[in-house]
């Protein structure tokens, strides 16, 4: 399926704008799937070099879903669960992964389901093991800020990006 019609590009001037995009993504997830008793989750790959804002965007998602505590990159633990949120969120950082097969030892397949939102930093390191993303977010430098390029990869991703476009988050 071609995803070009659902692609979205947003300029992010600073950390606050990056977190706001994460909150908007969380709201799209809630609007599309909350309270329907069915599919509430999605898989989002976060791409970009070190310091581009992947964890900041993830923090915005968690806060948008109601998390009030700290959100740090799970660089050493590989995954940080936020099971108190609806949908449950699993935040992955695969930067230190030596081999994609290591994910099998973590029981990676158990994290992906209809009731979980998986945010995966450095997803390219899990290639061949990870499922395809619903949405891929690429963060790139632009002027003094960042450009976020969001691409849908599935019908779920298309619905989420259509919702984001309709809600018009800041920075668009």
N, C-alpha and C. Protein backbone atom coordinates (compact mmCIF):
# COMPACT_ATOMS: atom_id res chain seq x y z
N UNK A 1 0.84 -1.17 0.00
CA UNK A 1 0.00 0.00 0.00
C UNK A 1 0.88 1.24 0.00
N UNK A 2 0.60 2.17 -0.85
CA UNK A 2 1.36 3.41 -0.88
C UNK A 2 0.97 4.27 0.30
N UNK A 3 1.97 4.87 0.92
CA UNK A 3 1.69 5.68 2.10
C UNK A 3 1.85 7.17 1.81
N UNK A 4 2.18 7.54 0.59
CA UNK A 4 2.50 8.93 0.29
C UNK A 4 1.37 9.88 0.65
N UNK A 5 0.11 9.47 0.44
CA UNK A 5 -1.02 10.36 0.71
C UNK A 5 -1.13 10.68 2.19
N UNK A 6 -0.62 9.83 3.06
CA UNK A 6 -0.76 10.06 4.50
C UNK A 6 0.51 10.59 5.13
N UNK A 7 1.55 10.88 4.34
CA UNK A 7 2.77 11.43 4.91
C UNK A 7 2.49 12.83 5.47
N UNK A 8 3.26 13.19 6.49
CA UNK A 8 3.10 14.49 7.13
C UNK A 8 4.48 14.99 7.53
N UNK A 9 4.75 16.26 7.29
CA UNK A 9 6.01 16.87 7.69
C UNK A 9 5.70 18.05 8.59
N UNK A 10 6.42 18.11 9.72
CA UNK A 10 6.20 19.16 10.71
C UNK A 10 7.55 19.75 11.09
N UNK A 11 7.65 21.08 11.14
CA UNK A 11 8.85 21.74 11.64
C UNK A 11 8.73 21.84 13.16
N UNK A 12 9.79 21.47 13.86
CA UNK A 12 9.83 21.51 15.32
C UNK A 12 10.92 22.50 15.73
N UNK A 13 10.51 23.63 16.21
CA UNK A 13 11.47 24.70 16.52
C UNK A 13 12.34 24.38 17.73
N UNK A 14 11.80 23.59 18.68
CA UNK A 14 12.53 23.35 19.91
C UNK A 14 12.00 22.09 20.61
N UNK A 15 12.52 21.85 21.82
CA UNK A 15 12.13 20.67 22.59
C UNK A 15 10.63 20.68 22.90
N UNK A 16 10.09 21.85 23.22
CA UNK A 16 8.66 21.95 23.54
C UNK A 16 7.81 21.55 22.32
N UNK A 17 8.21 21.95 21.14
CA UNK A 17 7.46 21.60 19.93
C UNK A 17 7.55 20.09 19.66
N UNK A 18 8.71 19.51 19.95
CA UNK A 18 8.89 18.07 19.76
C UNK A 18 7.99 17.31 20.72
N UNK A 19 7.96 17.75 21.97
CA UNK A 19 7.08 17.10 22.95
C UNK A 19 5.62 17.29 22.56
N UNK A 20 5.27 18.46 22.04
CA UNK A 20 3.89 18.72 21.61
C UNK A 20 3.47 17.78 20.49
N UNK A 21 4.38 17.49 19.57
CA UNK A 21 4.06 16.53 18.51
C UNK A 21 3.79 15.15 19.11
N UNK A 22 4.59 14.76 20.11
CA UNK A 22 4.35 13.50 20.79
C UNK A 22 2.98 13.46 21.45
N UNK A 23 2.61 14.57 22.10
CA UNK A 23 1.28 14.65 22.73
C UNK A 23 0.18 14.54 21.68
N UNK A 24 0.37 15.19 20.54
CA UNK A 24 -0.62 15.13 19.47
C UNK A 24 -0.76 13.70 18.94
N UNK A 25 0.36 13.00 18.82
CA UNK A 25 0.31 11.60 18.40
C UNK A 25 -0.45 10.76 19.43
N UNK A 26 -0.21 11.01 20.71
CA UNK A 26 -0.94 10.30 21.77
C UNK A 26 -2.43 10.56 21.66
N UNK A 27 -2.81 11.80 21.42
CA UNK A 27 -4.22 12.14 21.29
C UNK A 27 -4.84 11.45 20.07
N UNK A 28 -4.09 11.35 18.99
CA UNK A 28 -4.59 10.64 17.81
C UNK A 28 -4.84 9.17 18.14
N UNK A 29 -3.93 8.56 18.88
CA UNK A 29 -4.12 7.16 19.29
C UNK A 29 -5.37 7.04 20.14
N UNK A 30 -5.54 7.94 21.09
CA UNK A 30 -6.72 7.90 21.97
C UNK A 30 -8.01 8.10 21.19
N UNK A 31 -8.02 9.07 20.28
CA UNK A 31 -9.23 9.34 19.50
C UNK A 31 -9.59 8.19 18.59
N UNK A 32 -8.58 7.59 17.97
CA UNK A 32 -8.85 6.53 16.99
C UNK A 32 -9.26 5.22 17.64
N UNK A 33 -8.72 4.92 18.82
CA UNK A 33 -8.91 3.58 19.37
C UNK A 33 -9.43 3.55 20.78
N UNK A 34 -9.40 4.65 21.49
CA UNK A 34 -9.85 4.65 22.88
C UNK A 34 -11.33 4.40 23.00
N UNK A 35 -11.70 3.51 23.92
CA UNK A 35 -13.10 3.26 24.21
C UNK A 35 -13.83 2.41 23.19
N UNK A 36 -13.16 1.94 22.17
CA UNK A 36 -13.84 1.12 21.16
C UNK A 36 -13.82 -0.36 21.51
N UNK A 37 -13.03 -0.74 22.52
CA UNK A 37 -12.95 -2.14 22.91
C UNK A 37 -12.18 -3.00 21.92
N UNK A 38 -11.67 -2.39 20.88
CA UNK A 38 -10.93 -3.15 19.87
C UNK A 38 -9.48 -2.74 19.85
N UNK A 39 -8.95 -2.60 18.67
CA UNK A 39 -7.54 -2.26 18.47
C UNK A 39 -7.27 -0.87 19.05
N UNK A 40 -6.31 -0.76 19.96
CA UNK A 40 -5.96 0.52 20.56
C UNK A 40 -4.49 0.83 20.39
N UNK A 41 -3.73 -0.04 19.83
CA UNK A 41 -2.29 0.15 19.78
C UNK A 41 -1.76 0.46 18.41
N UNK A 42 -0.45 0.62 18.40
CA UNK A 42 0.26 0.88 17.16
C UNK A 42 1.75 0.69 17.42
N UNK A 43 2.50 0.57 16.36
CA UNK A 43 3.95 0.48 16.44
C UNK A 43 4.53 1.68 15.70
N UNK A 44 5.40 2.42 16.40
CA UNK A 44 5.99 3.63 15.83
C UNK A 44 7.50 3.51 15.91
N UNK A 45 8.15 3.60 14.75
CA UNK A 45 9.61 3.62 14.69
C UNK A 45 10.05 5.08 14.74
N UNK A 46 11.04 5.37 15.59
CA UNK A 46 11.59 6.71 15.73
C UNK A 46 13.02 6.70 15.21
N UNK A 47 13.24 7.41 14.12
CA UNK A 47 14.55 7.42 13.48
C UNK A 47 15.19 8.80 13.57
N UNK A 48 16.50 8.80 13.64
CA UNK A 48 17.25 10.05 13.69
C UNK A 48 18.55 9.81 14.43
N UNK A 49 19.52 10.65 14.17
CA UNK A 49 20.82 10.50 14.82
C UNK A 49 20.72 10.86 16.30
N UNK A 50 21.80 10.62 17.03
CA UNK A 50 21.83 10.97 18.45
C UNK A 50 21.48 12.44 18.65
N UNK A 51 20.65 12.71 19.63
CA UNK A 51 20.29 14.08 19.96
C UNK A 51 19.22 14.71 19.10
N UNK A 52 18.58 13.96 18.24
CA UNK A 52 17.56 14.52 17.35
C UNK A 52 16.21 14.72 18.03
N UNK A 53 15.97 14.08 19.17
CA UNK A 53 14.70 14.30 19.87
C UNK A 53 13.78 13.09 19.94
N UNK A 54 14.31 11.91 19.69
CA UNK A 54 13.47 10.69 19.73
C UNK A 54 12.87 10.47 21.12
N UNK A 55 13.69 10.63 22.15
CA UNK A 55 13.20 10.43 23.52
C UNK A 55 12.26 11.57 23.92
N UNK A 56 12.53 12.77 23.47
CA UNK A 56 11.66 13.91 23.76
C UNK A 56 10.29 13.68 23.15
N UNK A 57 10.24 13.20 21.93
CA UNK A 57 8.96 12.89 21.30
C UNK A 57 8.25 11.79 22.08
N UNK A 58 8.99 10.77 22.52
CA UNK A 58 8.41 9.69 23.31
C UNK A 58 7.83 10.22 24.62
N UNK A 59 8.56 11.14 25.26
CA UNK A 59 8.07 11.75 26.50
C UNK A 59 6.74 12.46 26.26
N UNK A 60 6.63 13.14 25.12
CA UNK A 60 5.37 13.80 24.78
C UNK A 60 4.23 12.81 24.63
N UNK A 61 4.51 11.66 24.02
CA UNK A 61 3.48 10.63 23.89
C UNK A 61 3.03 10.17 25.26
N UNK A 62 3.98 9.83 26.13
CA UNK A 62 3.64 9.34 27.46
C UNK A 62 2.85 10.38 28.25
N UNK A 63 3.28 11.61 28.19
CA UNK A 63 2.57 12.67 28.92
C UNK A 63 1.19 12.90 28.32
N UNK A 64 1.08 12.78 27.01
CA UNK A 64 -0.22 12.91 26.37
C UNK A 64 -1.20 11.82 26.77
N UNK A 65 -0.67 10.69 27.19
CA UNK A 65 -1.51 9.58 27.65
C UNK A 65 -1.71 9.60 29.17
N UNK A 66 -1.12 10.60 29.86
CA UNK A 66 -1.37 10.76 31.27
C UNK A 66 -0.23 10.45 32.21
N UNK A 67 0.93 10.07 31.69
CA UNK A 67 2.08 9.78 32.57
C UNK A 67 2.63 11.08 33.12
N UNK A 68 2.88 11.12 34.43
CA UNK A 68 3.36 12.34 35.06
C UNK A 68 4.82 12.25 35.52
N UNK A 69 5.41 11.09 35.53
CA UNK A 69 6.78 10.93 36.00
C UNK A 69 7.80 11.18 34.91
N UNK A 70 9.04 10.84 35.25
CA UNK A 70 10.14 11.01 34.32
C UNK A 70 10.03 10.02 33.16
N UNK A 71 10.55 10.41 32.03
CA UNK A 71 10.65 9.53 30.86
C UNK A 71 12.08 9.64 30.36
N UNK A 72 12.80 8.54 30.46
CA UNK A 72 14.18 8.54 29.99
C UNK A 72 14.33 7.46 28.93
N UNK A 73 15.35 7.59 28.15
CA UNK A 73 15.60 6.59 27.12
C UNK A 73 16.07 5.30 27.78
N UNK A 74 15.45 4.17 27.43
CA UNK A 74 15.84 2.89 28.04
C UNK A 74 17.07 2.28 27.36
N UNK A 75 18.12 3.07 27.24
CA UNK A 75 19.33 2.63 26.54
C UNK A 75 19.91 1.36 27.15
N UNK A 76 19.90 1.24 28.46
CA UNK A 76 20.52 0.08 29.10
C UNK A 76 19.53 -1.05 29.38
N UNK A 77 18.28 -0.71 29.57
CA UNK A 77 17.27 -1.75 29.85
C UNK A 77 16.61 -2.26 28.58
N UNK A 78 16.82 -1.63 27.47
CA UNK A 78 16.25 -1.92 26.15
C UNK A 78 14.77 -1.54 26.07
N UNK A 79 13.99 -1.87 27.09
CA UNK A 79 12.56 -1.53 27.06
C UNK A 79 12.13 -1.00 28.43
N UNK A 80 11.30 0.02 28.39
CA UNK A 80 10.70 0.58 29.60
C UNK A 80 9.18 0.49 29.44
N UNK A 81 8.53 -0.30 30.31
CA UNK A 81 7.07 -0.44 30.19
C UNK A 81 6.33 0.68 30.93
N UNK A 82 5.25 1.13 30.35
CA UNK A 82 4.33 2.09 30.96
C UNK A 82 2.96 1.43 30.91
N UNK A 83 2.80 0.40 31.72
CA UNK A 83 1.61 -0.44 31.66
C UNK A 83 0.40 0.20 32.32
N UNK A 84 0.59 1.30 33.05
CA UNK A 84 -0.52 2.00 33.68
C UNK A 84 -1.26 2.90 32.70
N UNK A 85 -0.72 3.08 31.53
CA UNK A 85 -1.34 3.95 30.53
C UNK A 85 -2.32 3.15 29.67
N UNK A 86 -3.25 3.86 29.03
CA UNK A 86 -4.20 3.22 28.13
C UNK A 86 -4.16 3.96 26.80
N UNK A 87 -3.59 3.31 25.76
CA UNK A 87 -3.07 1.94 25.76
C UNK A 87 -1.73 1.85 26.51
N UNK A 88 -1.37 0.63 26.88
CA UNK A 88 -0.07 0.40 27.49
C UNK A 88 1.00 0.84 26.49
N UNK A 89 2.08 1.43 26.99
CA UNK A 89 3.16 1.88 26.12
C UNK A 89 4.43 1.14 26.49
N UNK A 90 5.13 0.67 25.46
CA UNK A 90 6.44 0.07 25.64
C UNK A 90 7.42 0.91 24.84
N UNK A 91 8.37 1.51 25.56
CA UNK A 91 9.35 2.39 24.94
C UNK A 91 10.67 1.62 24.82
N UNK A 92 11.09 1.39 23.60
CA UNK A 92 12.30 0.62 23.32
C UNK A 92 13.41 1.55 22.85
N UNK A 93 14.64 1.24 23.22
CA UNK A 93 15.82 1.88 22.67
C UNK A 93 16.79 0.76 22.31
N UNK A 94 16.97 0.54 21.03
CA UNK A 94 17.78 -0.59 20.57
C UNK A 94 19.21 -0.19 20.22
N UNK A 95 19.63 0.99 20.66
CA UNK A 95 20.95 1.51 20.31
C UNK A 95 22.07 0.53 20.68
N UNK A 96 21.99 -0.09 21.84
CA UNK A 96 23.05 -0.97 22.32
C UNK A 96 22.90 -2.41 21.84
N UNK A 97 21.88 -2.70 21.08
CA UNK A 97 21.64 -4.07 20.62
C UNK A 97 22.78 -4.52 19.70
N UNK A 98 23.39 -5.65 20.02
CA UNK A 98 24.49 -6.15 19.21
C UNK A 98 24.01 -6.95 18.01
N UNK A 99 22.89 -7.66 18.17
CA UNK A 99 22.37 -8.53 17.12
C UNK A 99 20.85 -8.55 17.26
N UNK A 100 20.11 -8.43 16.16
CA UNK A 100 18.65 -8.45 16.25
C UNK A 100 18.10 -9.69 16.96
N UNK A 101 18.82 -10.81 16.89
CA UNK A 101 18.37 -12.04 17.53
C UNK A 101 18.25 -11.88 19.05
N UNK A 102 18.98 -10.92 19.64
CA UNK A 102 18.89 -10.69 21.08
C UNK A 102 17.46 -10.34 21.49
N UNK A 103 16.70 -9.77 20.57
CA UNK A 103 15.32 -9.40 20.88
C UNK A 103 14.46 -10.63 21.19
N UNK A 104 14.81 -11.76 20.59
CA UNK A 104 14.06 -12.99 20.86
C UNK A 104 14.19 -13.39 22.33
N UNK A 105 15.36 -13.16 22.92
CA UNK A 105 15.58 -13.49 24.33
C UNK A 105 14.78 -12.59 25.26
N UNK A 106 14.41 -11.42 24.77
CA UNK A 106 13.60 -10.49 25.55
C UNK A 106 12.11 -10.79 25.45
N UNK A 107 11.75 -11.76 24.61
CA UNK A 107 10.34 -12.05 24.39
C UNK A 107 9.65 -10.92 23.64
N UNK A 108 10.35 -10.38 22.66
CA UNK A 108 9.90 -9.18 21.95
C UNK A 108 8.49 -9.30 21.39
N UNK A 109 8.12 -10.45 20.93
CA UNK A 109 6.80 -10.61 20.29
C UNK A 109 5.65 -10.40 21.27
N UNK A 110 5.93 -10.58 22.57
CA UNK A 110 4.89 -10.40 23.59
C UNK A 110 4.48 -8.94 23.77
N UNK A 111 5.30 -8.02 23.35
CA UNK A 111 5.02 -6.61 23.55
C UNK A 111 4.06 -6.03 22.50
N UNK A 112 4.00 -6.67 21.36
CA UNK A 112 3.20 -6.13 20.26
C UNK A 112 1.83 -6.78 20.26
N UNK A 113 0.81 -5.94 20.39
CA UNK A 113 -0.54 -6.47 20.40
C UNK A 113 -1.54 -5.37 20.14
N UNK A 114 -2.79 -5.76 20.16
CA UNK A 114 -3.84 -4.80 19.85
C UNK A 114 -4.05 -3.78 20.95
N UNK A 115 -3.47 -4.01 22.12
CA UNK A 115 -3.70 -3.07 23.21
C UNK A 115 -2.41 -2.39 23.69
N UNK A 116 -1.40 -2.36 22.83
CA UNK A 116 -0.16 -1.70 23.23
C UNK A 116 0.36 -0.77 22.14
N UNK A 117 0.97 0.30 22.60
CA UNK A 117 1.63 1.25 21.72
C UNK A 117 3.13 1.06 21.93
N UNK A 118 3.84 0.67 20.89
CA UNK A 118 5.28 0.44 20.98
C UNK A 118 6.02 1.56 20.26
N UNK A 119 6.85 2.27 21.02
CA UNK A 119 7.70 3.34 20.47
C UNK A 119 9.11 2.78 20.44
N UNK A 120 9.72 2.75 19.26
CA UNK A 120 11.01 2.07 19.12
C UNK A 120 12.06 3.01 18.53
N UNK A 121 13.02 3.38 19.38
CA UNK A 121 14.18 4.16 18.93
C UNK A 121 15.22 3.18 18.38
N UNK A 122 15.90 3.58 17.33
CA UNK A 122 16.94 2.77 16.68
C UNK A 122 16.38 1.44 16.18
N UNK A 123 15.19 1.47 15.61
CA UNK A 123 14.51 0.26 15.14
C UNK A 123 15.31 -0.48 14.07
N UNK A 124 16.14 0.23 13.33
CA UNK A 124 16.92 -0.43 12.28
C UNK A 124 17.83 -1.52 12.86
N UNK A 125 18.14 -1.44 14.14
CA UNK A 125 18.99 -2.45 14.78
C UNK A 125 18.24 -3.74 15.09
N UNK A 126 16.93 -3.71 14.97
CA UNK A 126 16.11 -4.90 15.19
C UNK A 126 15.52 -5.45 13.91
N UNK A 127 16.05 -4.98 12.78
CA UNK A 127 15.53 -5.38 11.47
C UNK A 127 15.53 -6.90 11.31
N UNK A 128 14.43 -7.41 10.79
CA UNK A 128 14.29 -8.84 10.58
C UNK A 128 13.55 -9.52 11.72
N UNK A 129 13.50 -8.86 12.87
CA UNK A 129 12.80 -9.41 14.03
C UNK A 129 11.56 -8.58 14.35
N UNK A 130 11.69 -7.27 14.28
CA UNK A 130 10.57 -6.38 14.60
C UNK A 130 9.49 -6.46 13.54
N UNK A 131 8.24 -6.24 13.95
CA UNK A 131 7.17 -6.14 12.95
C UNK A 131 7.30 -4.82 12.20
N UNK A 132 6.63 -4.71 11.09
CA UNK A 132 6.62 -3.45 10.35
C UNK A 132 5.94 -2.38 11.19
N UNK A 133 6.40 -1.14 11.10
CA UNK A 133 5.76 -0.07 11.88
C UNK A 133 4.46 0.37 11.24
N UNK A 134 3.58 0.90 12.06
CA UNK A 134 2.38 1.56 11.53
C UNK A 134 2.76 2.96 11.06
N UNK A 135 3.64 3.60 11.84
CA UNK A 135 4.12 4.95 11.52
C UNK A 135 5.63 4.97 11.73
N UNK A 136 6.32 5.61 10.80
CA UNK A 136 7.75 5.84 10.96
C UNK A 136 7.95 7.34 11.07
N UNK A 137 8.62 7.76 12.13
CA UNK A 137 8.92 9.18 12.33
C UNK A 137 10.43 9.36 12.18
N UNK A 138 10.82 10.21 11.24
CA UNK A 138 12.23 10.51 11.03
C UNK A 138 12.47 11.96 11.45
N UNK A 139 13.42 12.14 12.34
CA UNK A 139 13.77 13.48 12.83
C UNK A 139 15.10 13.89 12.21
N UNK A 140 15.10 15.06 11.55
CA UNK A 140 16.30 15.55 10.87
C UNK A 140 16.53 17.01 11.25
N UNK A 141 17.79 17.45 11.28
CA UNK A 141 18.04 18.86 11.57
C UNK A 141 17.51 19.76 10.45
N UNK A 142 16.98 20.89 10.85
CA UNK A 142 16.53 21.90 9.88
C UNK A 142 16.67 23.26 10.55
N UNK A 143 17.46 24.13 9.95
CA UNK A 143 17.74 25.45 10.53
C UNK A 143 18.15 25.28 11.98
N UNK A 144 17.50 25.97 12.89
CA UNK A 144 17.83 25.87 14.32
C UNK A 144 16.99 24.81 15.03
N UNK A 145 16.14 24.12 14.29
CA UNK A 145 15.25 23.14 14.90
C UNK A 145 15.36 21.78 14.23
N UNK A 146 14.23 21.12 14.13
CA UNK A 146 14.15 19.78 13.54
C UNK A 146 12.97 19.72 12.58
N UNK A 147 13.08 18.80 11.66
CA UNK A 147 11.96 18.47 10.78
C UNK A 147 11.56 17.05 11.13
N UNK A 148 10.28 16.84 11.39
CA UNK A 148 9.75 15.51 11.64
C UNK A 148 8.99 15.07 10.39
N UNK A 149 9.40 13.95 9.84
CA UNK A 149 8.72 13.39 8.67
C UNK A 149 8.02 12.13 9.15
N UNK A 150 6.70 12.15 9.10
CA UNK A 150 5.89 11.03 9.55
C UNK A 150 5.35 10.31 8.33
N UNK A 151 5.56 9.01 8.29
CA UNK A 151 5.10 8.21 7.15
C UNK A 151 4.28 7.03 7.65
N UNK A 152 3.10 6.88 7.08
CA UNK A 152 2.27 5.72 7.44
C UNK A 152 2.77 4.51 6.65
N UNK A 153 2.73 3.36 7.30
CA UNK A 153 3.17 2.12 6.66
C UNK A 153 2.03 1.10 6.61
N UNK A 154 0.93 1.38 7.34
CA UNK A 154 -0.21 0.47 7.40
C UNK A 154 -1.50 1.29 7.41
N UNK A 155 -2.62 0.61 7.40
CA UNK A 155 -3.90 1.30 7.51
C UNK A 155 -4.02 2.01 8.86
N UNK A 156 -3.58 1.37 9.92
CA UNK A 156 -3.58 2.00 11.24
C UNK A 156 -2.75 3.29 11.19
N UNK A 157 -1.58 3.22 10.60
CA UNK A 157 -0.73 4.40 10.47
C UNK A 157 -1.39 5.50 9.66
N UNK A 158 -2.05 5.13 8.58
CA UNK A 158 -2.74 6.11 7.75
C UNK A 158 -3.83 6.81 8.56
N UNK A 159 -4.59 6.03 9.33
CA UNK A 159 -5.65 6.61 10.16
C UNK A 159 -5.08 7.58 11.19
N UNK A 160 -3.97 7.20 11.81
CA UNK A 160 -3.35 8.07 12.81
C UNK A 160 -2.87 9.38 12.18
N UNK A 161 -2.22 9.29 11.03
CA UNK A 161 -1.71 10.51 10.39
C UNK A 161 -2.84 11.36 9.83
N UNK A 162 -3.91 10.73 9.35
CA UNK A 162 -5.07 11.50 8.91
C UNK A 162 -5.67 12.27 10.09
N UNK A 163 -5.72 11.62 11.25
CA UNK A 163 -6.23 12.27 12.45
C UNK A 163 -5.32 13.42 12.88
N UNK A 164 -4.00 13.19 12.84
CA UNK A 164 -3.06 14.26 13.17
C UNK A 164 -3.22 15.45 12.24
N UNK A 165 -3.39 15.16 10.97
CA UNK A 165 -3.55 16.23 9.99
C UNK A 165 -4.84 17.02 10.28
N UNK A 166 -5.90 16.31 10.60
CA UNK A 166 -7.19 16.96 10.86
C UNK A 166 -7.15 17.80 12.13
N UNK A 167 -6.38 17.35 13.13
CA UNK A 167 -6.32 18.08 14.40
C UNK A 167 -5.36 19.26 14.34
N UNK A 168 -4.47 19.28 13.33
CA UNK A 168 -3.55 20.39 13.11
C UNK A 168 -2.68 20.75 14.29
N UNK A 169 -1.78 19.81 14.73
CA UNK A 169 -0.92 20.14 15.87
C UNK A 169 -0.01 21.31 15.55
N UNK A 170 0.45 21.96 16.60
CA UNK A 170 1.35 23.11 16.47
C UNK A 170 2.56 22.72 15.65
N UNK A 171 3.04 23.63 14.86
CA UNK A 171 4.24 23.40 14.06
C UNK A 171 3.92 23.04 12.64
N UNK A 172 2.66 22.89 12.31
CA UNK A 172 2.31 22.50 10.95
C UNK A 172 2.24 23.70 10.04
